[in-house]
Amino acid sequence: MKIMYWSSTILISSFLFFSSYTYVFNKSTIDGIRALGFPDFFRIELAALKTIAAILLLIPNISLQIKEWTYAGVGFFLITAIVAHLAHKDSMLTILINLILITLLVISNMYLPEK
C-alpha cells in the first residue's frame, strides 16, 4: 500500500513543482494563462501555492488535517483548470491530463497512511 501512496504522491508533487516552475519561467505557459483570462498576480499566487502544496504532500509526518486541506486545494485547482480549458475550447488532451492528475490525487488520498 505504501508504494501506491508514494508513487501517486511523488507524481502529483512532481507535476506541481514543474507546473509552478513553468508558471514563472516559461513564456508559452505565461501567455497561455493570460489567454485563459487570468491576471499575472493570480499566476504568481498559483505558482506559490502549488509549490507549498507539493512540499506539504511530500512531508510524511505532517498533520492529517493539513494533508486533507492540501488535497482539497489541489483538487479544487485541477477542477478549475478543467473548467477554464473547456471554456477556452482547448484540446481534449489538456482535459485528459487534468483528469489523470485528479485520479492520481484521489489514489494518493485513498492510500494516505493514517497516524
PDB file of N, CA and C in Angstrom:
ATOM      1  N   MET A   1       0.815  -1.205   0.000  1.00  0.00           N
ATOM      2  CA  MET A   1       0.000   0.000   0.000  1.00  0.00           C
ATOM      3  C   MET A   1       0.857   1.266   0.000  1.00  0.00           C
ATOM      4  N   LYS A   2       2.004   1.198   0.656  1.00  0.00           N
ATOM      5  CA  LYS A   2       2.875   2.375   0.691  1.00  0.00           C
ATOM      6  C   LYS A   2       3.374   2.747  -0.699  1.00  0.00           C
ATOM      7  N   ILE A   3       3.585   1.720  -1.529  1.00  0.00           N
ATOM      8  CA  ILE A   3       4.084   2.018  -2.882  1.00  0.00           C
ATOM      9  C   ILE A   3       3.037   2.776  -3.698  1.00  0.00           C
ATOM     10  N   MET A   4       1.763   2.448  -3.514  1.00  0.00           N
ATOM     11  CA  MET A   4       0.688   3.178  -4.211  1.00  0.00           C
ATOM     12  C   MET A   4       0.655   4.630  -3.732  1.00  0.00           C
ATOM     13  N   TYR A   5       0.760   4.804  -2.422  1.00  0.00           N
ATOM     14  CA  TYR A   5       0.722   6.154  -1.857  1.00  0.00           C
ATOM     15  C   TYR A   5       1.895   6.979  -2.370  1.00  0.00           C
ATOM     16  N   TRP A   6       3.117   6.455  -2.209  1.00  0.00           N
ATOM     17  CA  TRP A   6       4.288   7.249  -2.571  1.00  0.00           C
ATOM     18  C   TRP A   6       4.404   7.457  -4.075  1.00  0.00           C
ATOM     19  N   SER A   7       4.040   6.463  -4.865  1.00  0.00           N
ATOM     20  CA  SER A   7       4.106   6.635  -6.328  1.00  0.00           C
ATOM     21  C   SER A   7       3.176   7.749  -6.788  1.00  0.00           C
ATOM     22  N   SER A   8       1.929   7.693  -6.349  1.00  0.00           N
ATOM     23  CA  SER A   8       0.962   8.713  -6.767  1.00  0.00           C
ATOM     24  C   SER A   8       1.311  10.081  -6.172  1.00  0.00           C
ATOM     25  N   THR A   9       1.782  10.095  -4.941  1.00  0.00           N
ATOM     26  CA  THR A   9       2.118  11.368  -4.291  1.00  0.00           C
ATOM     27  C   THR A   9       3.327  12.024  -4.962  1.00  0.00           C
ATOM     28  N   ILE A  10       4.326  11.227  -5.295  1.00  0.00           N
ATOM     29  CA  ILE A  10       5.509  11.770  -5.971  1.00  0.00           C
ATOM     30  C   ILE A  10       5.144  12.289  -7.364  1.00  0.00           C
ATOM     31  N   LEU A  11       4.289  11.571  -8.073  1.00  0.00           N
ATOM     32  CA  LEU A  11       3.863  12.036  -9.407  1.00  0.00           C
ATOM     33  C   LEU A  11       3.096  13.355  -9.307  1.00  0.00           C
ATOM     34  N   ILE A  12       2.163  13.446  -8.376  1.00  0.00           N
ATOM     35  CA  ILE A  12       1.384  14.684  -8.213  1.00  0.00           C
ATOM     36  C   ILE A  12       2.304  15.833  -7.795  1.00  0.00           C
ATOM     37  N   SER A  13       3.178  15.570  -6.840  1.00  0.00           N
ATOM     38  CA  SER A  13       4.085  16.621  -6.378  1.00  0.00           C
ATOM     39  C   SER A  13       5.036  17.065  -7.484  1.00  0.00           C
ATOM     40  N   SER A  14       5.500  16.124  -8.279  1.00  0.00           N
ATOM     41  CA  SER A  14       6.383  16.474  -9.406  1.00  0.00           C
ATOM     42  C   SER A  14       5.648  17.380 -10.388  1.00  0.00           C
ATOM     43  N   PHE A  15       4.399  17.028 -10.684  1.00  0.00           N
ATOM     44  CA  PHE A  15       3.593  17.882 -11.554  1.00  0.00           C
ATOM     45  C   PHE A  15       3.466  19.285 -10.957  1.00  0.00           C
ATOM     46  N   LEU A  16       3.182  19.356  -9.661  1.00  0.00           N
ATOM     47  CA  LEU A  16       3.005  20.661  -9.015  1.00  0.00           C
ATOM     48  C   LEU A  16       4.284  21.493  -9.065  1.00  0.00           C
ATOM     49  N   PHE A  17       5.431  20.859  -8.800  1.00  0.00           N
ATOM     50  CA  PHE A  17       6.705  21.581  -8.877  1.00  0.00           C
ATOM     51  C   PHE A  17       6.976  22.064 -10.304  1.00  0.00           C
ATOM     52  N   PHE A  18       6.802  21.167 -11.277  1.00  0.00           N
ATOM     53  CA  PHE A  18       7.049  21.529 -12.679  1.00  0.00           C
ATOM     54  C   PHE A  18       6.102  22.637 -13.127  1.00  0.00           C
ATOM     55  N   SER A  19       4.845  22.494 -12.785  1.00  0.00           N
ATOM     56  CA  SER A  19       3.846  23.489 -13.154  1.00  0.00           C
ATOM     57  C   SER A  19       4.179  24.851 -12.543  1.00  0.00           C
ATOM     58  N   SER A  20       4.589  24.853 -11.282  1.00  0.00           N
ATOM     59  CA  SER A  20       4.980  26.110 -10.625  1.00  0.00           C
ATOM     60  C   SER A  20       6.133  26.777 -11.360  1.00  0.00           C
ATOM     61  N   TYR A  21       7.105  25.969 -11.736  1.00  0.00           N
ATOM     62  CA  TYR A  21       8.253  26.496 -12.468  1.00  0.00           C
ATOM     63  C   TYR A  21       7.814  27.131 -13.783  1.00  0.00           C
ATOM     64  N   THR A  22       6.954  26.421 -14.534  1.00  0.00           N
ATOM     65  CA  THR A  22       6.534  26.958 -15.827  1.00  0.00           C
ATOM     66  C   THR A  22       5.672  28.208 -15.671  1.00  0.00           C
ATOM     67  N   TYR A  23       4.910  28.289 -14.585  1.00  0.00           N
ATOM     68  CA  TYR A  23       4.086  29.480 -14.341  1.00  0.00           C
ATOM     69  C   TYR A  23       4.933  30.731 -14.192  1.00  0.00           C
ATOM     70  N   VAL A  24       6.177  30.563 -13.760  1.00  0.00           N
ATOM     71  CA  VAL A  24       7.042  31.709 -13.510  1.00  0.00           C
ATOM     72  C   VAL A  24       8.042  31.936 -14.646  1.00  0.00           C
ATOM     73  N   PHE A  25       8.551  30.847 -15.253  1.00  0.00           N
ATOM     74  CA  PHE A  25       9.681  30.986 -16.167  1.00  0.00           C
ATOM     75  C   PHE A  25       9.425  30.609 -17.622  1.00  0.00           C
ATOM     76  N   ASN A  26       8.279  30.023 -17.951  1.00  0.00           N
ATOM     77  CA  ASN A  26       8.033  29.580 -19.316  1.00  0.00           C
ATOM     78  C   ASN A  26       7.090  30.547 -20.025  1.00  0.00           C
ATOM     79  N   LYS A  27       7.611  31.193 -21.081  1.00  0.00           N
ATOM     80  CA  LYS A  27       6.830  32.213 -21.777  1.00  0.00           C
ATOM     81  C   LYS A  27       5.520  31.675 -22.349  1.00  0.00           C
ATOM     82  N   SER A  28       5.542  30.473 -22.932  1.00  0.00           N
ATOM     83  CA  SER A  28       4.310  29.954 -23.524  1.00  0.00           C
ATOM     84  C   SER A  28       3.262  29.641 -22.449  1.00  0.00           C
ATOM     85  N   THR A  29       3.695  29.173 -21.285  1.00  0.00           N
ATOM     86  CA  THR A  29       2.752  28.932 -20.190  1.00  0.00           C
ATOM     87  C   THR A  29       2.188  30.248 -19.678  1.00  0.00           C
ATOM     88  N   ILE A  30       3.048  31.235 -19.523  1.00  0.00           N
ATOM     89  CA  ILE A  30       2.607  32.556 -19.061  1.00  0.00           C
ATOM     90  C   ILE A  30       1.593  33.141 -20.044  1.00  0.00           C
ATOM     91  N   ASP A  31       1.896  33.048 -21.335  1.00  0.00           N
ATOM     92  CA  ASP A  31       0.965  33.544 -22.359  1.00  0.00           C
ATOM     93  C   ASP A  31      -0.344  32.751 -22.347  1.00  0.00           C
ATOM     94  N   GLY A  32      -0.238  31.439 -22.125  1.00  0.00           N
ATOM     95  CA  GLY A  32      -1.430  30.597 -22.081  1.00  0.00           C
ATOM     96  C   GLY A  32      -2.342  30.950 -20.915  1.00  0.00           C
ATOM     97  N   ILE A  33      -1.755  31.247 -19.772  1.00  0.00           N
ATOM     98  CA  ILE A  33      -2.553  31.629 -18.604  1.00  0.00           C
ATOM     99  C   ILE A  33      -3.228  32.976 -18.852  1.00  0.00           C
ATOM    100  N   ARG A  34      -2.514  33.873 -19.499  1.00  0.00           N
ATOM    101  CA  ARG A  34      -3.115  35.170 -19.856  1.00  0.00           C
ATOM    102  C   ARG A  34      -4.263  34.969 -20.841  1.00  0.00           C
ATOM    103  N   ALA A  35      -4.078  34.045 -21.792  1.00  0.00           N
ATOM    104  CA  ALA A  35      -5.132  33.779 -22.786  1.00  0.00           C
ATOM    105  C   ALA A  35      -6.389  33.209 -22.130  1.00  0.00           C
ATOM    106  N   LEU A  36      -6.211  32.506 -21.022  1.00  0.00           N
ATOM    107  CA  LEU A  36      -7.368  31.990 -20.294  1.00  0.00           C
ATOM    108  C   LEU A  36      -8.105  33.102 -19.549  1.00  0.00           C
ATOM    109  N   GLY A  37      -7.481  34.273 -19.480  1.00  0.00           N
ATOM    110  CA  GLY A  37      -8.135  35.417 -18.849  1.00  0.00           C
ATOM    111  C   GLY A  37      -7.707  35.688 -17.421  1.00  0.00           C
ATOM    112  N   PHE A  38      -6.663  34.981 -16.953  1.00  0.00           N
ATOM    113  CA  PHE A  38      -6.212  35.182 -15.580  1.00  0.00           C
ATOM    114  C   PHE A  38      -5.131  36.261 -15.518  1.00  0.00           C
ATOM    115  N   PRO A  39      -5.172  37.128 -14.507  1.00  0.00           N
ATOM    116  CA  PRO A  39      -4.148  38.170 -14.368  1.00  0.00           C
ATOM    117  C   PRO A  39      -2.826  37.594 -13.866  1.00  0.00           C
ATOM    118  N   ASP A  40      -1.760  38.353 -14.056  1.00  0.00           N
ATOM    119  CA  ASP A  40      -0.423  37.891 -13.672  1.00  0.00           C
ATOM    120  C   ASP A  40      -0.295  37.614 -12.178  1.00  0.00           C
ATOM    121  N   PHE A  41      -0.924  38.440 -11.338  1.00  0.00           N
ATOM    122  CA  PHE A  41      -0.782  38.198  -9.903  1.00  0.00           C
ATOM    123  C   PHE A  41      -1.359  36.839  -9.515  1.00  0.00           C
ATOM    124  N   PHE A  42      -2.405  36.400 -10.214  1.00  0.00           N
ATOM    125  CA  PHE A  42      -3.020  35.108  -9.929  1.00  0.00           C
ATOM    126  C   PHE A  42      -2.090  33.971 -10.342  1.00  0.00           C
ATOM    127  N   ARG A  43      -1.384  34.156 -11.456  1.00  0.00           N
ATOM    128  CA  ARG A  43      -0.406  33.164 -11.933  1.00  0.00           C
ATOM    129  C   ARG A  43       0.694  32.981 -10.896  1.00  0.00           C
ATOM    130  N   ILE A  44       1.206  34.070 -10.355  1.00  0.00           N
ATOM    131  CA  ILE A  44       2.263  34.012  -9.343  1.00  0.00           C
ATOM    132  C   ILE A  44       1.727  33.369  -8.064  1.00  0.00           C
ATOM    133  N   GLU A  45       0.522  33.742  -7.682  1.00  0.00           N
ATOM    134  CA  GLU A  45      -0.109  33.166  -6.493  1.00  0.00           C
ATOM    135  C   GLU A  45      -0.265  31.648  -6.653  1.00  0.00           C
ATOM    136  N   LEU A  46      -0.739  31.214  -7.816  1.00  0.00           N
ATOM    137  CA  LEU A  46      -0.891  29.781  -8.061  1.00  0.00           C
ATOM    138  C   LEU A  46       0.457  29.067  -8.032  1.00  0.00           C
ATOM    139  N   ALA A  47       1.480  29.676  -8.588  1.00  0.00           N
ATOM    140  CA  ALA A  47       2.812  29.067  -8.564  1.00  0.00           C
ATOM    141  C   ALA A  47       3.283  28.867  -7.123  1.00  0.00           C
ATOM    142  N   ALA A  48       3.089  29.873  -6.283  1.00  0.00           N
ATOM    143  CA  ALA A  48       3.498  29.762  -4.881  1.00  0.00           C
ATOM    144  C   ALA A  48       2.681  28.697  -4.155  1.00  0.00           C
ATOM    145  N   LEU A  49       1.370  28.698  -4.368  1.00  0.00           N
ATOM    146  CA  LEU A  49       0.504  27.729  -3.693  1.00  0.00           C
ATOM    147  C   LEU A  49       0.786  26.295  -4.159  1.00  0.00           C
ATOM    148  N   LYS A  50       1.087  26.117  -5.432  1.00  0.00           N
ATOM    149  CA  LYS A  50       1.415  24.782  -5.928  1.00  0.00           C
ATOM    150  C   LYS A  50       2.717  24.275  -5.319  1.00  0.00           C
ATOM    151  N   THR A  51       3.690  25.166  -5.160  1.00  0.00           N
ATOM    152  CA  THR A  51       4.954  24.777  -4.543  1.00  0.00           C
ATOM    153  C   THR A  51       4.730  24.367  -3.088  1.00  0.00           C
ATOM    154  N   ILE A  52       3.961  25.162  -2.366  1.00  0.00           N
ATOM    155  CA  ILE A  52       3.656  24.834  -0.968  1.00  0.00           C
ATOM    156  C   ILE A  52       2.910  23.506  -0.891  1.00  0.00           C
ATOM    157  N   ALA A  53       1.929  23.296  -1.755  1.00  0.00           N
ATOM    158  CA  ALA A  53       1.153  22.050  -1.753  1.00  0.00           C
ATOM    159  C   ALA A  53       2.054  20.849  -2.032  1.00  0.00           C
ATOM    160  N   ALA A  54       2.956  20.970  -3.000  1.00  0.00           N
ATOM    161  CA  ALA A  54       3.862  19.864  -3.323  1.00  0.00           C
ATOM    162  C   ALA A  54       4.718  19.501  -2.120  1.00  0.00           C
ATOM    163  N   ILE A  55       5.203  20.500  -1.427  1.00  0.00           N
ATOM    164  CA  ILE A  55       6.031  20.260  -0.240  1.00  0.00           C
ATOM    165  C   ILE A  55       5.195  19.596   0.855  1.00  0.00           C
ATOM    166  N   LEU A  56       3.991  20.117   1.105  1.00  0.00           N
ATOM    167  CA  LEU A  56       3.143  19.554   2.153  1.00  0.00           C
ATOM    168  C   LEU A  56       2.760  18.106   1.860  1.00  0.00           C
ATOM    169  N   LEU A  57       2.517  17.782   0.605  1.00  0.00           N
ATOM    170  CA  LEU A  57       2.169  16.401   0.263  1.00  0.00           C
ATOM    171  C   LEU A  57       3.335  15.447   0.491  1.00  0.00           C
ATOM    172  N   LEU A  58       4.550  15.950   0.349  1.00  0.00           N
ATOM    173  CA  LEU A  58       5.731  15.088   0.485  1.00  0.00           C
ATOM    174  C   LEU A  58       6.222  14.932   1.919  1.00  0.00           C
ATOM    175  N   ILE A  59       5.819  15.807   2.819  1.00  0.00           N
ATOM    176  CA  ILE A  59       6.252  15.699   4.212  1.00  0.00           C
ATOM    177  C   ILE A  59       5.456  14.575   4.883  1.00  0.00           C
ATOM    178  N   PRO A  60       6.164  13.522   5.332  1.00  0.00           N
ATOM    179  CA  PRO A  60       5.431  12.374   5.872  1.00  0.00           C
ATOM    180  C   PRO A  60       4.758  12.625   7.232  1.00  0.00           C
ATOM    181  N   ASN A  61       5.391  13.338   8.121  1.00  0.00           N
ATOM    182  CA  ASN A  61       4.863  13.499   9.478  1.00  0.00           C
ATOM    183  C   ASN A  61       4.206  14.849   9.688  1.00  0.00           C
ATOM    184  N   ILE A  62       3.231  15.123   8.873  1.00  0.00           N
ATOM    185  CA  ILE A  62       2.501  16.383   8.994  1.00  0.00           C
ATOM    186  C   ILE A  62       1.064  16.046   9.390  1.00  0.00           C
ATOM    187  N   SER A  63       0.415  16.972  10.022  1.00  0.00           N
ATOM    188  CA  SER A  63      -0.956  16.762  10.487  1.00  0.00           C
ATOM    189  C   SER A  63      -1.857  16.258   9.361  1.00  0.00           C
ATOM    190  N   LEU A  64      -2.686  15.283   9.701  1.00  0.00           N
ATOM    191  CA  LEU A  64      -3.623  14.724   8.731  1.00  0.00           C
ATOM    192  C   LEU A  64      -4.586  15.794   8.225  1.00  0.00           C
ATOM    193  N   GLN A  65      -4.962  16.718   9.094  1.00  0.00           N
ATOM    194  CA  GLN A  65      -5.871  17.796   8.699  1.00  0.00           C
ATOM    195  C   GLN A  65      -5.214  18.702   7.650  1.00  0.00           C
ATOM    196  N   ILE A  66      -3.945  19.003   7.825  1.00  0.00           N
ATOM    197  CA  ILE A  66      -3.231  19.830   6.837  1.00  0.00           C
ATOM    198  C   ILE A  66      -3.153  19.088   5.503  1.00  0.00           C
ATOM    199  N   LYS A  67      -2.867  17.774   5.559  1.00  0.00           N
ATOM    200  CA  LYS A  67      -2.815  16.984   4.321  1.00  0.00           C
ATOM    201  C   LYS A  67      -4.169  17.017   3.609  1.00  0.00           C
ATOM    202  N   GLU A  68      -5.252  16.848   4.354  1.00  0.00           N
ATOM    203  CA  GLU A  68      -6.582  16.835   3.745  1.00  0.00           C
ATOM    204  C   GLU A  68      -6.905  18.179   3.083  1.00  0.00           C
ATOM    205  N   TRP A  69      -6.543  19.268   3.746  1.00  0.00           N
ATOM    206  CA  TRP A  69      -6.754  20.596   3.148  1.00  0.00           C
ATOM    207  C   TRP A  69      -5.898  20.764   1.896  1.00  0.00           C
ATOM    208  N   THR A  70      -4.723  20.204   1.919  1.00  0.00           N
ATOM    209  CA  THR A  70      -3.846  20.277   0.742  1.00  0.00           C
ATOM    210  C   THR A  70      -4.465  19.505  -0.418  1.00  0.00           C
ATOM    211  N   TYR A  71      -4.960  18.302  -0.142  1.00  0.00           N
ATOM    212  CA  TYR A  71      -5.635  17.530  -1.194  1.00  0.00           C
ATOM    213  C   TYR A  71      -6.822  18.307  -1.753  1.00  0.00           C
ATOM    214  N   ALA A  72      -7.601  18.910  -0.873  1.00  0.00           N
ATOM    215  CA  ALA A  72      -8.772  19.677  -1.314  1.00  0.00           C
ATOM    216  C   ALA A  72      -8.351  20.851  -2.198  1.00  0.00           C
ATOM    217  N   GLY A  73      -7.313  21.563  -1.799  1.00  0.00           N
ATOM    218  CA  GLY A  73      -6.838  22.705  -2.576  1.00  0.00           C
ATOM    219  C   GLY A  73      -6.349  22.303  -3.954  1.00  0.00           C
ATOM    220  N   VAL A  74      -5.569  21.234  -4.019  1.00  0.00           N
ATOM    221  CA  VAL A  74      -5.063  20.763  -5.314  1.00  0.00           C
ATOM    222  C   VAL A  74      -6.224  20.265  -6.178  1.00  0.00           C
ATOM    223  N   GLY A  75      -7.166  19.555  -5.562  1.00  0.00           N
ATOM    224  CA  GLY A  75      -8.337  19.092  -6.306  1.00  0.00           C
ATOM    225  C   GLY A  75      -9.136  20.256  -6.867  1.00  0.00           C
ATOM    226  N   PHE A  76      -9.318  21.277  -6.049  1.00  0.00           N
ATOM    227  CA  PHE A  76     -10.036  22.473  -6.496  1.00  0.00           C
ATOM    228  C   PHE A  76      -9.311  23.131  -7.664  1.00  0.00           C
ATOM    229  N   PHE A  77      -7.984  23.219  -7.571  1.00  0.00           N
ATOM    230  CA  PHE A  77      -7.211  23.792  -8.672  1.00  0.00           C
ATOM    231  C   PHE A  77      -7.409  22.984  -9.956  1.00  0.00           C
ATOM    232  N   LEU A  78      -7.322  21.652  -9.866  1.00  0.00           N
ATOM    233  CA  LEU A  78      -7.446  20.815 -11.065  1.00  0.00           C
ATOM    234  C   LEU A  78      -8.833  20.918 -11.690  1.00  0.00           C
ATOM    235  N   ILE A  79      -9.867  20.964 -10.852  1.00  0.00           N
ATOM    236  CA  ILE A  79     -11.228  21.123 -11.378  1.00  0.00           C
ATOM    237  C   ILE A  79     -11.378  22.488 -12.052  1.00  0.00           C
ATOM    238  N   THR A  80     -10.828  23.523 -11.427  1.00  0.00           N
ATOM    239  CA  THR A  80     -10.866  24.868 -12.012  1.00  0.00           C
ATOM    240  C   THR A  80     -10.116  24.902 -13.344  1.00  0.00           C
ATOM    241  N   ALA A  81      -8.991  24.187 -13.414  1.00  0.00           N
ATOM    242  CA  ALA A  81      -8.220  24.127 -14.666  1.00  0.00           C
ATOM    243  C   ALA A  81      -9.047  23.469 -15.773  1.00  0.00           C
ATOM    244  N   ILE A  82      -9.756  22.407 -15.443  1.00  0.00           N
ATOM    245  CA  ILE A  82     -10.599  21.734 -16.435  1.00  0.00           C
ATOM    246  C   ILE A  82     -11.679  22.688 -16.947  1.00  0.00           C
ATOM    247  N   VAL A  83     -12.333  23.378 -16.027  1.00  0.00           N
ATOM    248  CA  VAL A  83     -13.395  24.319 -16.422  1.00  0.00           C
ATOM    249  C   VAL A  83     -12.817  25.430 -17.308  1.00  0.00           C
ATOM    250  N   ALA A  84     -11.669  25.982 -16.915  1.00  0.00           N
ATOM    251  CA  ALA A  84     -11.057  27.068 -17.694  1.00  0.00           C
ATOM    252  C   ALA A  84     -10.678  26.593 -19.095  1.00  0.00           C
ATOM    253  N   HIS A  85     -10.111  25.389 -19.188  1.00  0.00           N
ATOM    254  CA  HIS A  85      -9.705  24.880 -20.501  1.00  0.00           C
ATOM    255  C   HIS A  85     -10.908  24.507 -21.358  1.00  0.00           C
ATOM    256  N   LEU A  86     -11.966  24.012 -20.747  1.00  0.00           N
ATOM    257  CA  LEU A  86     -13.187  23.746 -21.514  1.00  0.00           C
ATOM    258  C   LEU A  86     -13.795  25.047 -22.032  1.00  0.00           C
ATOM    259  N   ALA A  87     -13.850  26.062 -21.179  1.00  0.00           N
ATOM    260  CA  ALA A  87     -14.409  27.352 -21.588  1.00  0.00           C
ATOM    261  C   ALA A  87     -13.584  27.990 -22.699  1.00  0.00           C
ATOM    262  N   HIS A  88     -12.277  27.737 -22.679  1.00  0.00           N
ATOM    263  CA  HIS A  88     -11.376  28.301 -23.686  1.00  0.00           C
ATOM    264  C   HIS A  88     -11.333  27.437 -24.946  1.00  0.00           C
ATOM    265  N   LYS A  89     -12.041  26.296 -24.897  1.00  0.00           N
ATOM    266  CA  LYS A  89     -12.087  25.348 -26.021  1.00  0.00           C
ATOM    267  C   LYS A  89     -10.706  24.807 -26.375  1.00  0.00           C
ATOM    268  N   ASP A  90      -9.919  24.502 -25.334  1.00  0.00           N
ATOM    269  CA  ASP A  90      -8.600  23.906 -25.544  1.00  0.00           C
ATOM    270  C   ASP A  90      -8.755  22.436 -25.910  1.00  0.00           C
ATOM    271  N   SER A  91      -7.652  21.821 -26.264  1.00  0.00           N
ATOM    272  CA  SER A  91      -7.689  20.431 -26.719  1.00  0.00           C
ATOM    273  C   SER A  91      -8.154  19.492 -25.608  1.00  0.00           C
ATOM    274  N   MET A  92      -8.742  18.402 -26.028  1.00  0.00           N
ATOM    275  CA  MET A  92      -9.207  17.402 -25.069  1.00  0.00           C
ATOM    276  C   MET A  92      -8.030  16.732 -24.367  1.00  0.00           C
ATOM    277  N   LEU A  93      -6.847  16.782 -24.952  1.00  0.00           N
ATOM    278  CA  LEU A  93      -5.656  16.228 -24.306  1.00  0.00           C
ATOM    279  C   LEU A  93      -5.384  16.955 -22.986  1.00  0.00           C
ATOM    280  N   THR A  94      -5.557  18.259 -22.989  1.00  0.00           N
ATOM    281  CA  THR A  94      -5.367  19.042 -21.768  1.00  0.00           C
ATOM    282  C   THR A  94      -6.362  18.612 -20.701  1.00  0.00           C
ATOM    283  N   ILE A  95      -7.587  18.389 -21.090  1.00  0.00           N
ATOM    284  CA  ILE A  95      -8.629  17.941 -20.162  1.00  0.00           C
ATOM    285  C   ILE A  95      -8.280  16.548 -19.640  1.00  0.00           C
ATOM    286  N   LEU A  96      -7.858  15.675 -20.530  1.00  0.00           N
ATOM    287  CA  LEU A  96      -7.498  14.313 -20.153  1.00  0.00           C
ATOM    288  C   LEU A  96      -6.335  14.300 -19.156  1.00  0.00           C
ATOM    289  N   ILE A  97      -5.344  15.117 -19.396  1.00  0.00           N
ATOM    290  CA  ILE A  97      -4.202  15.197 -18.476  1.00  0.00           C
ATOM    291  C   ILE A  97      -4.676  15.621 -17.088  1.00  0.00           C
ATOM    292  N   ASN A  98      -5.549  16.608 -17.042  1.00  0.00           N
ATOM    293  CA  ASN A  98      -6.070  17.050 -15.738  1.00  0.00           C
ATOM    294  C   ASN A  98      -6.904  15.963 -15.068  1.00  0.00           C
ATOM    295  N   LEU A  99      -7.651  15.195 -15.826  1.00  0.00           N
ATOM    296  CA  LEU A  99      -8.421  14.083 -15.261  1.00  0.00           C
ATOM    297  C   LEU A  99      -7.496  12.995 -14.708  1.00  0.00           C
ATOM    298  N   ILE A 100      -6.404  12.735 -15.407  1.00  0.00           N
ATOM    299  CA  ILE A 100      -5.409  11.770 -14.919  1.00  0.00           C
ATOM    300  C   ILE A 100      -4.794  12.276 -13.613  1.00  0.00           C
ATOM    301  N   LEU A 101      -4.503  13.571 -13.558  1.00  0.00           N
ATOM    302  CA  LEU A 101      -3.942  14.146 -12.335  1.00  0.00           C
ATOM    303  C   LEU A 101      -4.928  14.061 -11.173  1.00  0.00           C
ATOM    304  N   ILE A 102      -6.205  14.281 -11.443  1.00  0.00           N
ATOM    305  CA  ILE A 102      -7.217  14.133 -10.386  1.00  0.00           C
ATOM    306  C   ILE A 102      -7.245  12.683  -9.904  1.00  0.00           C
ATOM    307  N   THR A 103      -7.146  11.742 -10.827  1.00  0.00           N
ATOM    308  CA  THR A 103      -7.124  10.326 -10.450  1.00  0.00           C
ATOM    309  C   THR A 103      -5.921  10.016  -9.565  1.00  0.00           C
ATOM    310  N   LEU A 104      -4.754  10.523  -9.921  1.00  0.00           N
ATOM    311  CA  LEU A 104      -3.565  10.327  -9.096  1.00  0.00           C
ATOM    312  C   LEU A 104      -3.743  10.950  -7.714  1.00  0.00           C
ATOM    313  N   LEU A 105      -4.365  12.123  -7.672  1.00  0.00           N
ATOM    314  CA  LEU A 105      -4.614  12.796  -6.399  1.00  0.00           C
ATOM    315  C   LEU A 105      -5.541  11.955  -5.520  1.00  0.00           C
ATOM    316  N   VAL A 106      -6.580  11.393  -6.109  1.00  0.00           N
ATOM    317  CA  VAL A 106      -7.522  10.545  -5.363  1.00  0.00           C
ATOM    318  C   VAL A 106      -6.808   9.291  -4.859  1.00  0.00           C
ATOM    319  N   ILE A 107      -5.983   8.674  -5.699  1.00  0.00           N
ATOM    320  CA  ILE A 107      -5.232   7.484  -5.278  1.00  0.00           C
ATOM    321  C   ILE A 107      -4.312   7.830  -4.114  1.00  0.00           C
ATOM    322  N   SER A 108      -3.595   8.941  -4.210  1.00  0.00           N
ATOM    323  CA  SER A 108      -2.718   9.365  -3.126  1.00  0.00           C
ATOM    324  C   SER A 108      -3.514   9.548  -1.836  1.00  0.00           C
ATOM    325  N   ASN A 109      -4.667  10.189  -1.940  1.00  0.00           N
ATOM    326  CA  ASN A 109      -5.501  10.414  -0.753  1.00  0.00           C
ATOM    327  C   ASN A 109      -6.044   9.103  -0.203  1.00  0.00           C
ATOM    328  N   MET A 110      -6.452   8.197  -1.062  1.00  0.00           N
ATOM    329  CA  MET A 110      -7.001   6.913  -0.617  1.00  0.00           C
ATOM    330  C   MET A 110      -5.981   6.087   0.162  1.00  0.00           C
ATOM    331  N   TYR A 111      -4.729   6.135  -0.261  1.00  0.00           N
ATOM    332  CA  TYR A 111      -3.675   5.328   0.365  1.00  0.00           C
ATOM    333  C   TYR A 111      -2.871   6.117   1.393  1.00  0.00           C
ATOM    334  N   LEU A 112      -3.334   7.294   1.742  1.00  0.00           N
ATOM    335  CA  LEU A 112      -2.661   8.113   2.756  1.00  0.00           C
ATOM    336  C   LEU A 112      -2.586   7.345   4.063  1.00  0.00           C
ATOM    337  N   PRO A 113      -1.369   7.116   4.567  1.00  0.00           N
ATOM    338  CA  PRO A 113      -1.252   6.373   5.829  1.00  0.00           C
ATOM    339  C   PRO A 113      -1.870   7.156   6.980  1.00  0.00           C
ATOM    340  N   GLU A 114      -2.656   6.467   7.785  1.00  0.00           N
ATOM    341  CA  GLU A 114      -3.271   7.118   8.944  1.00  0.00           C
ATOM    342  C   GLU A 114      -2.287   7.098  10.095  1.00  0.00           C
ATOM    343  N   LYS A 115      -2.363   8.144  10.908  1.00  0.00           N
ATOM    344  CA  LYS A 115      -1.442   8.229  12.049  1.00  0.00           C
ATOM    345  C   LYS A 115      -1.987   7.521  13.243  1.00  0.00           C
TER     346      LYS A 115
END
